[in-house]
Amino acid sequence: MNQVRPYDPHRFQSAAGFYHHRLFYPDRLIRRVIALTGLAPGEAVLDLGTGPGLLAVPFAAAGMAVTAADPEPLMLDAAAAAAQAANVTVSLWQGGSYELTPQMGPYRLVTIGRAFHWMDRAATLDMLDRIVAPGGAVAFFHDAHPDVPENRWFRTLREISDRYSRDVGHVADRKVGAHRRYEPYLFASAFSQLDGLSVTCRTEITLDEMVGRAYSMSTCAPARLGDRQAAFESDLRAALTPFATDGKFIEIAEMVAMVARRP
């Protein structure tokens, strides 16, 4: 796409080892996306911004020919390890949205999990229109935490993470563009037919897992916190502990897929 990246493509390097603490996408959500898009085993899927393969691996397990793309080599190493552990095959490509070319694909589906905000969204959708096959789709995955009593800890986690992010001066470059939601970009693109799918899960999480998840965020990754890492972890543990019952927290999360297709 020959653009200047407005972010450091390796900013997740020190976060890569903590990504396994992030929420996984339930198999039943993956199956619903496959059914809605009409994917058949063997068809080509590009997982853009794959991280440790949280989408690439389940789509490969469903029989798709998956290319896992990420600009960070450590993330690709983690995706390869996850694929091996799941006994599936994925192709690895070091690159991101800014390295896409018209010669790639065609893909029946492009998946993007919690990564669209790092991209030049309009330009990325324009390029995807060139490499997604006729009848294909783009699926955007994310998670949300409903405002329920079980999730009282979530606001505290965000407040402390945001405070330390501001202190180290990285809030301004967390997102590219003004919109957090996909719709303004999708309705202005070729992929303007939208269908939302979601699955709500209730799980237990430990304090150690919460701390690990915080470190998986680029703004609170160990390399970003530097010599403030110990203070951050101490503050986070102290603030979250009162929300625990027998050392465990309840997490209720809505796992969402927005499937965008051409009309």
Protein backbone atom coordinates (compact mmCIF):
# COMPACT_ATOMS: atom_id res chain seq x y z
CA MET A 1 0.00 0.00 0.00
CA ASN A 2 3.14 2.20 0.11
CA GLN A 3 2.07 4.24 3.11
CA VAL A 4 4.05 5.61 6.02
CA ARG A 5 3.01 3.71 9.12
CA PRO A 6 1.78 6.04 11.89
CA TYR A 7 2.79 3.51 14.54
CA ASP A 8 5.69 1.27 15.51
CA PRO A 9 4.99 -2.17 13.94
CA HIS A 10 7.03 -3.80 16.71
CA ARG A 11 5.32 -2.06 19.63
CA PHE A 12 3.80 -5.39 20.72
CA GLN A 13 7.18 -7.11 20.94
CA SER A 14 7.36 -7.15 24.74
CA ALA A 15 3.62 -7.89 24.97
CA ALA A 16 3.80 -11.04 22.83
CA GLY A 17 4.59 -13.35 25.73
CA PHE A 18 1.43 -12.24 27.56
CA TYR A 19 -1.08 -12.58 24.74
CA HIS A 20 -2.21 -16.01 25.92
CA HIS A 21 -3.98 -14.14 28.76
CA ARG A 22 -6.33 -12.44 26.30
CA LEU A 23 -9.85 -13.65 25.69
CA PHE A 24 -10.18 -16.44 23.15
CA TYR A 25 -12.90 -16.54 20.52
CA PRO A 26 -15.37 -19.36 21.21
CA ASP A 27 -15.63 -22.13 18.65
CA ARG A 28 -19.36 -21.51 18.31
CA LEU A 29 -18.67 -17.94 17.20
CA ILE A 30 -16.18 -19.18 14.62
CA ARG A 31 -18.75 -21.71 13.36
CA ARG A 32 -21.40 -19.01 13.01
CA VAL A 33 -19.05 -16.84 10.95
CA ILE A 34 -18.20 -19.81 8.72
CA ALA A 35 -21.88 -20.58 8.23
CA LEU A 36 -22.83 -16.97 7.47
CA THR A 37 -20.02 -16.50 4.95
CA GLY A 38 -20.51 -19.92 3.35
CA LEU A 39 -16.88 -20.89 3.81
CA ALA A 40 -15.94 -24.39 2.70
CA PRO A 41 -12.91 -26.41 3.83
CA GLY A 42 -9.82 -25.56 1.84
CA GLU A 43 -10.83 -21.99 1.04
CA ALA A 44 -8.30 -19.21 1.63
CA VAL A 45 -8.46 -17.08 4.77
CA LEU A 46 -6.13 -14.21 5.65
CA ASP A 47 -5.88 -13.38 9.37
CA LEU A 48 -4.56 -9.84 9.38
CA GLY A 49 -2.84 -8.84 12.62
CA THR A 50 -2.88 -12.44 13.77
CA GLY A 51 -1.00 -11.99 17.04
CA PRO A 52 -0.55 -15.48 18.51
CA GLY A 53 -3.11 -16.95 16.11
CA LEU A 54 -6.28 -16.53 18.17
CA LEU A 55 -8.30 -16.54 14.94
CA ALA A 56 -5.88 -18.24 12.56
CA VAL A 57 -5.74 -21.47 14.54
CA PRO A 58 -9.50 -22.07 14.93
CA PHE A 59 -10.14 -21.28 11.26
CA ALA A 60 -7.36 -23.69 10.31
CA ALA A 61 -8.89 -26.28 12.65
CA ALA A 62 -12.14 -25.83 10.72
CA GLY A 63 -10.29 -26.85 7.55
CA MET A 64 -9.48 -23.49 5.98
CA ALA A 65 -6.21 -22.63 4.22
CA VAL A 66 -5.11 -19.86 6.59
CA THR A 67 -2.38 -17.26 6.16
CA ALA A 68 -1.47 -15.67 9.49
CA ALA A 69 -0.06 -12.16 9.00
CA ASP A 70 1.63 -9.95 11.58
CA PRO A 71 4.47 -7.39 11.45
CA GLU A 72 5.98 -8.69 14.72
CA PRO A 73 8.14 -11.85 14.39
CA LEU A 74 7.54 -12.87 18.00
CA MET A 75 3.81 -12.90 17.34
CA LEU A 76 4.33 -15.15 14.33
CA ASP A 77 6.46 -17.46 16.48
CA ALA A 78 3.60 -17.64 18.98
CA ALA A 79 1.09 -18.32 16.20
CA ALA A 80 3.30 -21.11 14.84
CA ALA A 81 3.56 -22.66 18.31
CA ALA A 82 -0.22 -22.44 18.80
CA ALA A 83 -0.82 -24.07 15.42
CA GLN A 84 1.60 -26.87 16.24
CA ALA A 85 -0.06 -27.46 19.62
CA ALA A 86 -3.45 -27.64 17.88
CA ASN A 87 -2.05 -29.95 15.19
CA VAL A 88 -3.07 -27.64 12.37
CA THR A 89 -1.16 -25.94 9.57
CA VAL A 90 -1.06 -22.20 8.95
CA SER A 91 1.12 -20.21 6.56
CA LEU A 92 3.01 -17.33 8.17
CA TRP A 93 3.56 -13.93 6.54
CA GLN A 94 5.45 -11.11 8.22
CA GLY A 95 3.57 -7.98 7.36
CA GLY A 96 0.48 -5.98 8.16
CA SER A 97 -2.14 -3.84 6.49
CA TYR A 98 0.50 -1.44 5.18
CA GLU A 99 2.25 -4.24 3.28
CA LEU A 100 -0.80 -5.63 1.48
CA THR A 101 -0.53 -5.67 -2.31
CA PRO A 102 -3.07 -6.28 -5.11
CA GLN A 103 -1.17 -9.44 -6.05
CA MET A 104 -2.17 -11.19 -2.81
CA GLY A 105 -5.08 -13.57 -2.54
CA PRO A 106 -7.76 -13.90 -3.59
CA TYR A 107 -9.15 -14.69 -0.16
CA ARG A 108 -12.67 -15.82 0.61
CA LEU A 109 -12.41 -14.28 4.05
CA VAL A 110 -10.14 -11.79 5.79
CA THR A 111 -10.32 -11.80 9.58
CA ILE A 112 -9.16 -8.93 11.79
CA GLY A 113 -9.20 -9.41 15.55
CA ARG A 114 -8.81 -6.35 17.78
CA ALA A 115 -6.45 -4.78 15.24
CA PHE A 116 -8.45 -2.58 12.84
CA HIS A 117 -7.81 0.51 14.98
CA TRP A 118 -4.07 0.26 14.20
CA MET A 119 -4.69 0.50 10.46
CA ASP A 120 -5.45 3.23 7.98
CA ARG A 121 -8.96 1.88 7.88
CA ALA A 122 -10.24 3.44 4.67
CA ALA A 123 -7.10 2.52 2.73
CA THR A 124 -7.10 -0.99 4.17
CA LEU A 125 -10.70 -1.59 3.11
CA ASP A 126 -9.89 -0.28 -0.37
CA MET A 127 -7.05 -2.78 -0.65
CA LEU A 128 -9.16 -5.61 0.75
CA ASP A 129 -11.71 -4.91 -1.98
CA ARG A 130 -8.96 -5.81 -4.41
CA ILE A 131 -7.87 -9.05 -2.75
CA VAL A 132 -11.12 -10.46 -1.33
CA ALA A 133 -12.75 -12.78 -3.85
CA PRO A 134 -16.21 -12.05 -5.28
CA GLY A 135 -18.71 -13.29 -2.73
CA GLY A 136 -16.07 -13.05 -0.01
CA ALA A 137 -16.14 -11.13 3.25
CA VAL A 138 -14.19 -9.35 5.95
CA ALA A 139 -14.89 -10.29 9.58
CA PHE A 140 -13.91 -8.02 12.45
CA PHE A 141 -13.66 -9.61 15.89
CA HIS A 142 -13.62 -7.90 19.27
CA ASP A 143 -14.88 -8.29 22.82
CA ALA A 144 -17.02 -6.19 25.15
CA HIS A 145 -17.71 -6.32 28.86
CA PRO A 146 -21.36 -5.72 29.79
CA ASP A 147 -22.06 -3.44 32.73
CA VAL A 148 -23.02 -6.20 35.15
CA PRO A 149 -22.01 -6.67 38.81
CA GLU A 150 -19.62 -9.51 37.98
CA ASN A 151 -17.55 -7.14 35.84
CA ARG A 152 -17.05 -4.45 38.49
CA TRP A 153 -13.31 -5.10 38.39
CA PHE A 154 -13.08 -4.20 34.70
CA ARG A 155 -13.38 -0.46 35.20
CA THR A 156 -10.61 -0.53 37.81
CA LEU A 157 -8.36 -2.47 35.47
CA ARG A 158 -8.93 0.09 32.73
CA GLU A 159 -8.50 3.10 35.02
CA ILE A 160 -5.12 1.98 36.33
CA SER A 161 -3.93 0.89 32.90
CA ASP A 162 -5.00 4.22 31.39
CA ARG A 163 -3.34 6.18 34.19
CA TYR A 164 0.00 4.49 33.63
CA SER A 165 -0.44 4.82 29.87
CA ARG A 166 -0.87 8.56 30.25
CA ASP A 167 2.12 8.74 32.54
CA VAL A 168 4.39 7.13 29.96
CA GLY A 169 2.95 9.26 27.16
CA HIS A 170 1.52 6.64 24.82
CA VAL A 171 -2.20 7.33 24.85
CA ALA A 172 -2.10 9.62 21.83
CA ASP A 173 -0.86 6.91 19.48
CA ARG A 174 -3.12 4.12 20.70
CA LYS A 175 -5.52 4.42 17.79
CA VAL A 176 -5.32 5.66 14.22
CA GLY A 177 -8.28 7.89 13.36
CA ALA A 178 -11.23 9.19 15.33
CA HIS A 179 -13.74 6.33 15.25
CA ARG A 180 -13.55 3.29 17.48
CA ARG A 181 -16.42 1.57 15.72
CA TYR A 182 -16.23 -0.05 12.31
CA GLU A 183 -19.50 1.15 10.80
CA PRO A 184 -18.46 4.63 9.54
CA TYR A 185 -15.66 3.05 7.52
CA LEU A 186 -17.59 0.03 6.34
CA PHE A 187 -20.59 1.95 5.04
CA ALA A 188 -18.17 4.12 3.06
CA SER A 189 -16.45 1.04 1.60
CA ALA A 190 -17.31 -1.77 -0.78
CA PHE A 191 -18.13 -3.95 2.25
CA SER A 192 -21.31 -2.19 3.32
CA GLN A 193 -23.58 -5.16 4.00
CA LEU A 194 -23.12 -5.77 7.73
CA ASP A 195 -24.15 -8.62 10.00
CA GLY A 196 -23.30 -8.76 13.68
CA LEU A 197 -22.81 -12.05 15.53
CA SER A 198 -22.05 -12.46 19.20
CA VAL A 199 -21.56 -15.06 21.91
CA THR A 200 -21.59 -14.19 25.62
CA CYS A 201 -19.37 -16.21 27.94
CA ARG A 202 -19.01 -16.47 31.73
CA THR A 203 -15.61 -17.62 32.96
CA GLU A 204 -13.32 -17.41 35.96
CA ILE A 205 -10.07 -15.48 35.85
CA THR A 206 -7.25 -15.19 38.37
CA LEU A 207 -5.38 -12.09 39.46
CA ASP A 208 -2.21 -13.34 37.75
CA GLU A 209 -4.15 -13.71 34.52
CA MET A 210 -5.49 -10.18 34.85
CA VAL A 211 -2.00 -8.80 35.30
CA GLY A 212 -0.84 -10.79 32.30
CA ARG A 213 -3.67 -9.42 30.22
CA ALA A 214 -2.73 -5.88 31.20
CA TYR A 215 0.83 -6.54 30.06
CA SER A 216 -0.51 -7.79 26.72
CA MET A 217 -1.77 -4.29 25.92
CA SER A 218 0.74 -2.24 23.97
CA THR A 219 0.38 0.79 26.24
CA CYS A 220 1.15 -1.28 29.35
CA ALA A 221 3.62 -3.73 27.85
CA PRO A 222 6.78 -4.15 29.94
CA ALA A 223 8.93 -2.25 27.45
CA ARG A 224 6.53 0.70 27.57
CA LEU A 225 6.32 0.80 31.35
CA GLY A 226 10.09 0.53 31.79
CA ASP A 227 11.17 1.15 35.35
CA ARG A 228 7.53 1.79 36.35
CA GLN A 229 6.52 -1.82 35.75
CA ALA A 230 6.85 -2.88 39.40
CA ALA A 231 4.77 0.08 40.61
CA PHE A 232 2.12 -0.59 37.98
CA GLU A 233 1.79 -4.24 38.95
CA SER A 234 1.71 -3.43 42.65
CA ASP A 235 -1.02 -0.82 42.18
CA LEU A 236 -3.02 -3.09 39.90
CA ARG A 237 -2.92 -6.06 42.26
CA ALA A 238 -3.86 -3.92 45.27
CA ALA A 239 -6.80 -2.32 43.47
CA LEU A 240 -8.19 -5.54 42.01
CA THR A 241 -7.84 -7.86 45.00
CA PRO A 242 -11.02 -6.61 46.78
CA PHE A 243 -13.13 -7.77 43.83
CA ALA A 244 -11.99 -11.40 44.15
CA THR A 245 -13.85 -14.27 45.78
CA ASP A 246 -11.58 -17.10 46.91
CA GLY A 247 -8.89 -15.63 44.69
CA LYS A 248 -11.03 -15.76 41.55
CA PHE A 249 -12.89 -13.16 39.52
CA ILE A 250 -15.93 -13.73 37.35
CA GLU A 251 -15.70 -12.35 33.84
CA ILE A 252 -18.71 -11.95 31.59
CA ALA A 253 -17.62 -11.07 28.08
CA GLU A 254 -19.48 -10.66 24.81
CA MET A 255 -17.35 -11.96 21.95
CA VAL A 256 -18.41 -10.22 18.77
CA ALA A 257 -17.90 -10.72 15.04
CA MET A 258 -18.98 -8.06 12.53
CA VAL A 259 -19.17 -9.66 9.08
CA ALA A 260 -18.93 -7.19 6.21
CA ARG A 261 -19.79 -8.19 2.66
CA ARG A 262 -20.39 -6.46 -0.63
CA PRO A 263 -24.07 -5.77 -1.34
